[in-house]
Amino acid sequence: MLSRAITRASGHHVKLFDRETWLFQVVTRKVGLKGGNSHTVRIQEAMCTCGKWQYYRIPCSHLIACCAHVKMKHEMFVDEWYKLENVSKVYGGIFEPIPNKGEPRWPIEINFPKVTHDKDVQKKKGRQKSTRFLNEMDFQAPRGKKNTSSTTHSTSLSC
């Protein structure tokens, strides 16, 4: 995901930069009918108008273009959850072994009542009636009388 954003950032153009507020305006490259969009990046507020940086907590291509513009490292904006030290902590604890197929995984003391098929209940013949509620789209307006005379079906012009 980050490598894709890096390749996309190479086509972006940083138009506006305010060093006091760290506000950027980034214009994406236009390819065919796509692109040419303008996005606002606010580094101090950790916000981009595309929403990807806030949602994924990984720098979007617009932020990477801004970092390249001011010669900053974009890696410092990756959230702590994605860093290698924190990912390795997930596997640092003790895992309980999974029992074999023959061993019970939980106590089987549940006494559900046995449900059997009632032979006396018979299915009705034909198609079941729909239980759907009808609305105004289901009703058709009455059609006018059709003209079924043979003269209207096969009229031919002769000279």
N, C-alpha and C. Protein backbone atom coordinates (compact mmCIF):
# COMPACT_ATOMS: atom_id res chain seq x y z
N MET A 1 0.82 -1.18 0.00
CA MET A 1 0.00 0.00 0.00
C MET A 1 0.87 1.26 0.00
N LEU A 2 1.92 1.24 0.80
CA LEU A 2 2.81 2.39 0.87
C LEU A 2 3.64 2.52 -0.40
N SER A 3 4.07 1.39 -0.97
CA SER A 3 4.86 1.45 -2.21
C SER A 3 4.02 1.98 -3.37
N ARG A 4 2.73 1.66 -3.38
CA ARG A 4 1.85 2.17 -4.43
C ARG A 4 1.68 3.68 -4.29
N ALA A 5 1.59 4.16 -3.06
CA ALA A 5 1.46 5.60 -2.82
C ALA A 5 2.73 6.34 -3.23
N ILE A 6 3.88 5.70 -3.04
CA ILE A 6 5.15 6.33 -3.41
C ILE A 6 5.23 6.51 -4.92
N THR A 7 4.82 5.48 -5.68
CA THR A 7 4.85 5.61 -7.14
C THR A 7 3.84 6.64 -7.63
N ARG A 8 2.69 6.73 -6.99
CA ARG A 8 1.69 7.72 -7.40
C ARG A 8 2.17 9.14 -7.07
N ALA A 9 2.90 9.29 -5.98
CA ALA A 9 3.34 10.61 -5.55
C ALA A 9 4.29 11.25 -6.55
N SER A 10 4.98 10.44 -7.33
CA SER A 10 5.92 11.00 -8.31
C SER A 10 5.20 11.81 -9.38
N GLY A 11 3.92 11.56 -9.60
CA GLY A 11 3.16 12.32 -10.59
C GLY A 11 2.42 13.51 -10.03
N HIS A 12 2.49 13.73 -8.72
CA HIS A 12 1.78 14.85 -8.10
C HIS A 12 2.63 16.12 -8.15
N HIS A 13 1.94 17.25 -8.14
CA HIS A 13 2.62 18.54 -8.17
C HIS A 13 2.17 19.36 -6.96
N VAL A 14 3.14 19.78 -6.14
CA VAL A 14 2.83 20.59 -4.96
C VAL A 14 2.80 22.05 -5.41
N LYS A 15 1.62 22.65 -5.33
CA LYS A 15 1.45 24.02 -5.81
C LYS A 15 1.66 25.05 -4.71
N LEU A 16 1.13 24.80 -3.56
CA LEU A 16 1.11 25.80 -2.51
C LEU A 16 1.77 25.23 -1.27
N PHE A 17 2.55 26.06 -0.59
CA PHE A 17 3.20 25.59 0.63
C PHE A 17 3.30 26.75 1.59
N ASP A 18 2.78 26.57 2.80
CA ASP A 18 2.88 27.57 3.85
C ASP A 18 3.74 26.96 4.96
N ARG A 19 4.94 27.51 5.14
CA ARG A 19 5.89 26.95 6.09
C ARG A 19 5.45 27.15 7.54
N GLU A 20 4.68 28.19 7.82
CA GLU A 20 4.24 28.44 9.20
C GLU A 20 3.20 27.43 9.66
N THR A 21 2.23 27.13 8.81
CA THR A 21 1.15 26.22 9.21
C THR A 21 1.30 24.82 8.62
N TRP A 22 2.32 24.60 7.83
CA TRP A 22 2.55 23.32 7.15
C TRP A 22 1.31 22.91 6.35
N LEU A 23 0.83 23.84 5.55
CA LEU A 23 -0.33 23.63 4.71
C LEU A 23 0.14 23.50 3.26
N PHE A 24 -0.32 22.45 2.59
CA PHE A 24 0.08 22.18 1.21
C PHE A 24 -1.15 22.05 0.33
N GLN A 25 -0.98 22.39 -0.94
CA GLN A 25 -1.99 22.09 -1.94
C GLN A 25 -1.31 21.22 -3.00
N VAL A 26 -1.87 20.02 -3.21
CA VAL A 26 -1.27 19.06 -4.12
C VAL A 26 -2.26 18.81 -5.26
N VAL A 27 -1.75 18.88 -6.50
CA VAL A 27 -2.58 18.61 -7.68
C VAL A 27 -2.10 17.29 -8.27
N THR A 28 -3.04 16.37 -8.48
CA THR A 28 -2.69 15.07 -9.05
C THR A 28 -2.54 15.18 -10.55
N ARG A 29 -1.78 14.25 -11.11
CA ARG A 29 -1.54 14.23 -12.54
C ARG A 29 -2.80 13.76 -13.26
N LYS A 30 -3.13 14.41 -14.37
CA LYS A 30 -4.31 14.04 -15.14
C LYS A 30 -3.92 13.01 -16.19
N VAL A 31 -4.59 11.85 -16.13
CA VAL A 31 -4.35 10.78 -17.09
C VAL A 31 -5.71 10.44 -17.69
N GLY A 32 -5.92 10.80 -18.95
CA GLY A 32 -7.21 10.55 -19.58
C GLY A 32 -8.28 11.38 -18.91
N LEU A 33 -9.33 10.71 -18.45
CA LEU A 33 -10.43 11.40 -17.77
C LEU A 33 -10.23 11.45 -16.26
N LYS A 34 -9.22 10.76 -15.74
CA LYS A 34 -8.98 10.70 -14.30
C LYS A 34 -7.88 11.68 -13.92
N GLY A 35 -7.91 12.09 -12.66
CA GLY A 35 -6.85 12.93 -12.13
C GLY A 35 -7.14 14.40 -12.29
N GLY A 36 -6.12 15.22 -12.03
CA GLY A 36 -6.27 16.66 -12.08
C GLY A 36 -6.97 17.22 -10.85
N ASN A 37 -7.09 16.42 -9.80
CA ASN A 37 -7.78 16.85 -8.58
C ASN A 37 -6.81 17.61 -7.67
N SER A 38 -7.37 18.49 -6.87
CA SER A 38 -6.58 19.25 -5.92
C SER A 38 -6.90 18.77 -4.51
N HIS A 39 -5.86 18.49 -3.72
CA HIS A 39 -6.04 18.03 -2.34
C HIS A 39 -5.26 18.95 -1.41
N THR A 40 -5.81 19.14 -0.22
CA THR A 40 -5.16 19.96 0.80
C THR A 40 -4.59 19.04 1.87
N VAL A 41 -3.32 19.24 2.18
CA VAL A 41 -2.64 18.43 3.20
C VAL A 41 -2.23 19.36 4.33
N ARG A 42 -2.65 19.02 5.55
CA ARG A 42 -2.27 19.77 6.76
C ARG A 42 -1.46 18.82 7.64
N ILE A 43 -0.16 18.98 7.62
CA ILE A 43 0.72 18.05 8.31
C ILE A 43 0.56 18.17 9.83
N GLN A 44 0.45 19.38 10.37
CA GLN A 44 0.33 19.54 11.83
C GLN A 44 -0.95 18.91 12.37
N GLU A 45 -2.00 18.87 11.57
CA GLU A 45 -3.27 18.28 12.00
C GLU A 45 -3.42 16.83 11.55
N ALA A 46 -2.40 16.29 10.86
CA ALA A 46 -2.43 14.92 10.32
C ALA A 46 -3.69 14.69 9.50
N MET A 47 -3.90 15.58 8.50
CA MET A 47 -5.11 15.51 7.71
C MET A 47 -4.83 15.75 6.23
N CYS A 48 -5.51 14.95 5.40
CA CYS A 48 -5.50 15.16 3.96
C CYS A 48 -6.95 15.06 3.50
N THR A 49 -7.33 15.85 2.50
CA THR A 49 -8.72 15.85 2.06
C THR A 49 -9.12 14.56 1.35
N CYS A 50 -8.17 13.73 0.96
CA CYS A 50 -8.53 12.43 0.35
C CYS A 50 -9.04 11.46 1.41
N GLY A 51 -8.64 11.65 2.68
CA GLY A 51 -9.12 10.83 3.78
C GLY A 51 -8.35 9.54 4.02
N LYS A 52 -7.45 9.18 3.13
CA LYS A 52 -6.72 7.91 3.27
C LYS A 52 -5.73 7.94 4.43
N TRP A 53 -5.09 9.08 4.62
CA TRP A 53 -4.12 9.19 5.71
C TRP A 53 -4.81 9.04 7.06
N GLN A 54 -5.97 9.63 7.23
CA GLN A 54 -6.69 9.51 8.49
C GLN A 54 -7.24 8.10 8.67
N TYR A 55 -7.70 7.49 7.60
CA TYR A 55 -8.36 6.19 7.70
C TYR A 55 -7.37 5.05 7.94
N TYR A 56 -6.32 4.99 7.12
CA TYR A 56 -5.37 3.87 7.20
C TYR A 56 -4.21 4.14 8.14
N ARG A 57 -3.98 5.39 8.51
CA ARG A 57 -2.84 5.77 9.35
C ARG A 57 -1.51 5.46 8.67
N ILE A 58 -1.54 5.47 7.35
CA ILE A 58 -0.34 5.31 6.52
C ILE A 58 -0.32 6.51 5.58
N PRO A 59 0.83 7.12 5.32
CA PRO A 59 0.86 8.30 4.46
C PRO A 59 0.26 8.04 3.07
N CYS A 60 -0.61 8.96 2.65
CA CYS A 60 -1.18 8.86 1.31
C CYS A 60 -0.18 9.45 0.32
N SER A 61 -0.47 9.31 -0.96
CA SER A 61 0.45 9.79 -1.98
C SER A 61 0.60 11.31 -1.93
N HIS A 62 -0.42 12.01 -1.49
CA HIS A 62 -0.35 13.47 -1.41
C HIS A 62 0.63 13.91 -0.32
N LEU A 63 0.58 13.22 0.82
CA LEU A 63 1.52 13.52 1.90
C LEU A 63 2.95 13.19 1.48
N ILE A 64 3.13 12.09 0.77
CA ILE A 64 4.47 11.70 0.32
C ILE A 64 5.02 12.75 -0.64
N ALA A 65 4.17 13.30 -1.51
CA ALA A 65 4.60 14.36 -2.42
C ALA A 65 5.00 15.61 -1.65
N CYS A 66 4.27 15.92 -0.58
CA CYS A 66 4.61 17.09 0.25
C CYS A 66 5.93 16.87 0.97
N CYS A 67 6.14 15.67 1.48
CA CYS A 67 7.40 15.36 2.16
C CYS A 67 8.58 15.45 1.20
N ALA A 68 8.39 15.00 -0.01
CA ALA A 68 9.46 15.09 -1.01
C ALA A 68 9.74 16.56 -1.36
N HIS A 69 8.70 17.38 -1.35
CA HIS A 69 8.85 18.80 -1.69
C HIS A 69 9.71 19.54 -0.66
N VAL A 70 9.56 19.19 0.61
CA VAL A 70 10.34 19.86 1.67
C VAL A 70 11.49 18.99 2.17
N LYS A 71 11.76 17.88 1.47
CA LYS A 71 12.86 16.97 1.78
C LYS A 71 12.76 16.41 3.21
N MET A 72 11.56 15.89 3.53
CA MET A 72 11.30 15.23 4.81
C MET A 72 11.11 13.75 4.55
N LYS A 73 11.29 12.93 5.57
CA LYS A 73 11.05 11.50 5.44
C LYS A 73 9.58 11.22 5.74
N HIS A 74 8.92 10.52 4.82
CA HIS A 74 7.50 10.22 5.03
C HIS A 74 7.30 9.07 6.01
N GLU A 75 8.36 8.31 6.32
CA GLU A 75 8.24 7.18 7.24
C GLU A 75 7.85 7.62 8.65
N MET A 76 8.16 8.87 9.00
CA MET A 76 7.84 9.33 10.34
C MET A 76 6.34 9.54 10.54
N PHE A 77 5.56 9.50 9.46
CA PHE A 77 4.11 9.67 9.56
C PHE A 77 3.36 8.34 9.55
N VAL A 78 4.08 7.23 9.53
CA VAL A 78 3.44 5.91 9.62
C VAL A 78 3.05 5.68 11.07
N ASP A 79 1.84 5.20 11.31
CA ASP A 79 1.35 4.99 12.66
C ASP A 79 2.17 3.92 13.39
N GLU A 80 2.19 4.01 14.72
CA GLU A 80 2.97 3.09 15.54
C GLU A 80 2.54 1.63 15.37
N TRP A 81 1.28 1.39 15.05
CA TRP A 81 0.78 0.02 14.91
C TRP A 81 1.50 -0.75 13.80
N TYR A 82 1.97 -0.04 12.78
CA TYR A 82 2.58 -0.70 11.63
C TYR A 82 4.09 -0.87 11.77
N LYS A 83 4.68 -0.37 12.81
CA LYS A 83 6.13 -0.47 12.97
C LYS A 83 6.50 -1.88 13.39
N LEU A 84 7.69 -2.32 12.98
CA LEU A 84 8.12 -3.70 13.17
C LEU A 84 8.19 -4.09 14.65
N GLU A 85 8.60 -3.16 15.51
CA GLU A 85 8.69 -3.49 16.93
C GLU A 85 7.33 -3.88 17.50
N ASN A 86 6.29 -3.15 17.10
CA ASN A 86 4.95 -3.41 17.63
C ASN A 86 4.32 -4.64 17.00
N VAL A 87 4.60 -4.90 15.74
CA VAL A 87 4.07 -6.10 15.09
C VAL A 87 4.68 -7.34 15.71
N SER A 88 5.97 -7.29 16.05
CA SER A 88 6.62 -8.45 16.66
C SER A 88 6.13 -8.70 18.09
N LYS A 89 5.62 -7.67 18.77
CA LYS A 89 5.07 -7.85 20.12
C LYS A 89 3.80 -8.69 20.11
N VAL A 90 3.12 -8.74 18.99
CA VAL A 90 1.90 -9.54 18.89
C VAL A 90 2.21 -11.01 19.12
N TYR A 91 3.35 -11.46 18.63
CA TYR A 91 3.74 -12.86 18.74
C TYR A 91 4.62 -13.12 19.96
N GLY A 92 4.81 -12.15 20.82
CA GLY A 92 5.67 -12.31 21.98
C GLY A 92 5.05 -13.09 23.12
N GLY A 93 3.73 -13.18 23.17
CA GLY A 93 3.06 -13.87 24.26
C GLY A 93 3.07 -15.38 24.08
N ILE A 94 2.42 -16.07 25.02
CA ILE A 94 2.35 -17.53 24.99
C ILE A 94 1.03 -17.93 24.34
N PHE A 95 1.11 -18.85 23.41
CA PHE A 95 -0.08 -19.37 22.74
C PHE A 95 -0.41 -20.75 23.31
N GLU A 96 -1.67 -20.97 23.58
CA GLU A 96 -2.12 -22.28 24.04
C GLU A 96 -2.17 -23.23 22.85
N PRO A 97 -1.72 -24.48 23.03
CA PRO A 97 -1.76 -25.42 21.90
C PRO A 97 -3.20 -25.82 21.57
N ILE A 98 -3.42 -26.13 20.30
CA ILE A 98 -4.73 -26.58 19.83
C ILE A 98 -4.81 -28.08 20.05
N PRO A 99 -5.89 -28.59 20.67
CA PRO A 99 -5.99 -30.03 20.92
C PRO A 99 -6.19 -30.82 19.63
N ASN A 100 -5.89 -32.12 19.72
CA ASN A 100 -6.08 -33.01 18.57
C ASN A 100 -7.56 -33.18 18.26
N LYS A 101 -7.84 -33.83 17.12
CA LYS A 101 -9.22 -34.01 16.70
C LYS A 101 -10.01 -34.88 17.67
N GLY A 102 -9.39 -35.84 18.28
CA GLY A 102 -10.09 -36.74 19.18
C GLY A 102 -10.43 -36.12 20.53
N GLU A 103 -9.67 -35.13 20.96
CA GLU A 103 -9.90 -34.52 22.26
C GLU A 103 -11.02 -33.49 22.16
N PRO A 104 -11.89 -33.46 23.17
CA PRO A 104 -12.96 -32.45 23.13
C PRO A 104 -12.39 -31.05 23.37
N ARG A 105 -12.89 -30.08 22.65
CA ARG A 105 -12.40 -28.71 22.79
C ARG A 105 -13.15 -27.95 23.87
N TRP A 106 -14.35 -28.36 24.18
CA TRP A 106 -15.14 -27.75 25.24
C TRP A 106 -16.03 -28.83 25.82
N PRO A 107 -16.51 -28.65 27.03
CA PRO A 107 -17.36 -29.69 27.62
C PRO A 107 -18.68 -29.81 26.87
N ILE A 108 -19.04 -31.06 26.54
CA ILE A 108 -20.28 -31.30 25.82
C ILE A 108 -21.33 -31.73 26.83
N GLU A 109 -21.99 -30.77 27.44
CA GLU A 109 -23.04 -31.04 28.42
C GLU A 109 -24.33 -30.32 28.06
N ILE A 110 -24.48 -29.98 26.80
CA ILE A 110 -25.67 -29.26 26.37
C ILE A 110 -26.74 -30.28 25.99
N ASN A 111 -27.89 -30.19 26.61
CA ASN A 111 -28.98 -31.13 26.34
C ASN A 111 -30.09 -30.42 25.57
N PHE A 112 -29.92 -30.36 24.26
CA PHE A 112 -30.95 -29.77 23.42
C PHE A 112 -32.04 -30.81 23.17
N PRO A 113 -33.30 -30.38 23.04
CA PRO A 113 -34.36 -31.35 22.73
C PRO A 113 -34.19 -31.84 21.29
N LYS A 114 -34.53 -33.09 21.06
CA LYS A 114 -34.40 -33.68 19.74
C LYS A 114 -35.61 -33.27 18.90
N VAL A 115 -35.37 -32.72 17.74
CA VAL A 115 -36.43 -32.26 16.86
C VAL A 115 -36.52 -33.24 15.70
N THR A 116 -37.73 -33.77 15.47
CA THR A 116 -37.93 -34.72 14.37
C THR A 116 -38.97 -34.17 13.41
N HIS A 117 -38.98 -34.72 12.21
CA HIS A 117 -39.92 -34.30 11.17
C HIS A 117 -41.29 -34.90 11.45
N ASP A 118 -42.33 -34.07 11.35
CA ASP A 118 -43.70 -34.53 11.57
C ASP A 118 -44.23 -35.07 10.25
N LYS A 119 -44.52 -36.36 10.20
CA LYS A 119 -44.97 -37.01 8.97
C LYS A 119 -46.41 -36.61 8.61
N ASP A 120 -47.19 -36.12 9.59
CA ASP A 120 -48.58 -35.76 9.33
C ASP A 120 -48.72 -34.45 8.56
N VAL A 121 -47.70 -33.60 8.62
CA VAL A 121 -47.77 -32.33 7.90
C VAL A 121 -47.46 -32.59 6.44
N GLN A 122 -48.39 -32.20 5.56
CA GLN A 122 -48.20 -32.42 4.13
C GLN A 122 -48.02 -31.08 3.43
N LYS A 123 -47.21 -31.11 2.38
CA LYS A 123 -47.01 -29.92 1.58
C LYS A 123 -48.21 -29.73 0.67
N LYS A 124 -48.61 -28.49 0.46
CA LYS A 124 -49.71 -28.20 -0.44
C LYS A 124 -49.21 -28.26 -1.87
N LYS A 125 -50.11 -28.59 -2.79
CA LYS A 125 -49.75 -28.66 -4.20
C LYS A 125 -49.67 -27.25 -4.77
N GLY A 126 -48.85 -27.11 -5.79
CA GLY A 126 -48.74 -25.83 -6.49
C GLY A 126 -47.69 -24.91 -5.89
N ARG A 127 -47.64 -23.75 -6.48
CA ARG A 127 -46.65 -22.76 -6.06
C ARG A 127 -47.13 -22.07 -4.78
N GLN A 128 -46.20 -21.79 -3.87
CA GLN A 128 -46.56 -21.13 -2.63
C GLN A 128 -46.94 -19.68 -2.88
N LYS A 129 -47.87 -19.17 -2.09
CA LYS A 129 -48.30 -17.79 -2.21
C LYS A 129 -47.21 -16.89 -1.62
N SER A 130 -46.94 -15.80 -2.33
CA SER A 130 -45.91 -14.87 -1.88
C SER A 130 -46.37 -14.14 -0.63
N THR A 131 -45.45 -13.95 0.30
CA THR A 131 -45.77 -13.25 1.54
C THR A 131 -45.28 -11.80 1.49
N ARG A 132 -44.82 -11.37 0.34
CA ARG A 132 -44.29 -10.01 0.18
C ARG A 132 -45.43 -9.01 0.16
N PHE A 133 -45.22 -7.86 0.79
CA PHE A 133 -46.22 -6.79 0.76
C PHE A 133 -46.13 -6.08 -0.58
N LEU A 134 -47.25 -5.89 -1.23
CA LEU A 134 -47.28 -5.22 -2.52
C LEU A 134 -47.32 -3.71 -2.32
N ASN A 135 -46.70 -2.98 -3.26
CA ASN A 135 -46.76 -1.52 -3.22
C ASN A 135 -47.27 -1.02 -4.57
N GLU A 136 -47.22 0.30 -4.78
CA GLU A 136 -47.82 0.87 -5.99
C GLU A 136 -47.11 0.45 -7.27
N MET A 137 -45.87 0.03 -7.18
CA MET A 137 -45.16 -0.39 -8.39
C MET A 137 -45.61 -1.77 -8.86
N ASP A 138 -46.25 -2.53 -8.00
CA ASP A 138 -46.67 -3.88 -8.37
C ASP A 138 -47.99 -3.90 -9.14
N PHE A 139 -48.72 -2.83 -9.09
CA PHE A 139 -50.02 -2.79 -9.78
C PHE A 139 -49.86 -2.11 -11.12
N GLN A 140 -50.46 -2.70 -12.16
CA GLN A 140 -50.39 -2.13 -13.50
C GLN A 140 -51.70 -1.44 -13.82
N ALA A 141 -51.61 -0.37 -14.62
CA ALA A 141 -52.82 0.33 -15.06
C ALA A 141 -53.54 -0.56 -16.07
N PRO A 142 -54.87 -0.52 -16.09
CA PRO A 142 -55.60 -1.34 -17.07
C PRO A 142 -55.29 -0.88 -18.48
N ARG A 143 -55.10 -1.84 -19.35
CA ARG A 143 -54.77 -1.53 -20.74
C ARG A 143 -56.05 -1.34 -21.55
N GLY A 144 -55.92 -0.58 -22.61
CA GLY A 144 -57.07 -0.35 -23.49
C GLY A 144 -57.36 -1.58 -24.33
N LYS A 145 -58.48 -1.56 -25.04
CA LYS A 145 -58.89 -2.68 -25.87
C LYS A 145 -57.98 -2.77 -27.08
N LYS A 146 -57.51 -3.95 -27.39
CA LYS A 146 -56.63 -4.14 -28.53
C LYS A 146 -57.46 -4.36 -29.79
N ASN A 147 -56.99 -3.82 -30.87
CA ASN A 147 -57.65 -4.01 -32.16
C ASN A 147 -57.09 -5.29 -32.77
N THR A 148 -57.92 -6.28 -32.94
CA THR A 148 -57.45 -7.58 -33.42
C THR A 148 -57.94 -7.89 -34.82
N SER A 149 -58.38 -6.89 -35.55
CA SER A 149 -58.87 -7.20 -36.91
C SER A 149 -57.70 -7.54 -37.81
N SER A 150 -57.98 -8.34 -38.80
CA SER A 150 -56.92 -8.81 -39.68
C SER A 150 -56.42 -7.73 -40.61
N THR A 151 -57.17 -6.67 -40.81
CA THR A 151 -56.74 -5.62 -41.73
C THR A 151 -55.60 -4.79 -41.15
N THR A 152 -55.54 -4.66 -39.87
CA THR A 152 -54.47 -3.84 -39.29
C THR A 152 -53.15 -4.59 -39.22
N HIS A 153 -53.21 -5.92 -39.22
CA HIS A 153 -51.97 -6.68 -39.11
C HIS A 153 -51.23 -6.78 -40.42
N SER A 154 -51.95 -6.90 -41.49
CA SER A 154 -51.25 -7.09 -42.77
C SER A 154 -51.80 -6.12 -43.80
N THR A 155 -51.41 -4.90 -43.68
CA THR A 155 -51.82 -3.91 -44.69
C THR A 155 -50.69 -3.74 -45.67
N SER A 156 -51.03 -3.76 -46.91
CA SER A 156 -50.02 -3.57 -47.95
C SER A 156 -50.51 -2.51 -48.91
N LEU A 157 -49.60 -1.72 -49.34
CA LEU A 157 -49.95 -0.67 -50.29
C LEU A 157 -49.78 -1.21 -51.70
N SER A 158 -50.73 -0.92 -52.53
CA SER A 158 -50.61 -1.36 -53.93
C SER A 158 -50.91 -0.19 -54.84
N CYS A 159 -50.30 -0.18 -55.98
CA CYS A 159 -50.49 0.90 -56.94
C CYS A 159 -51.55 0.58 -57.95
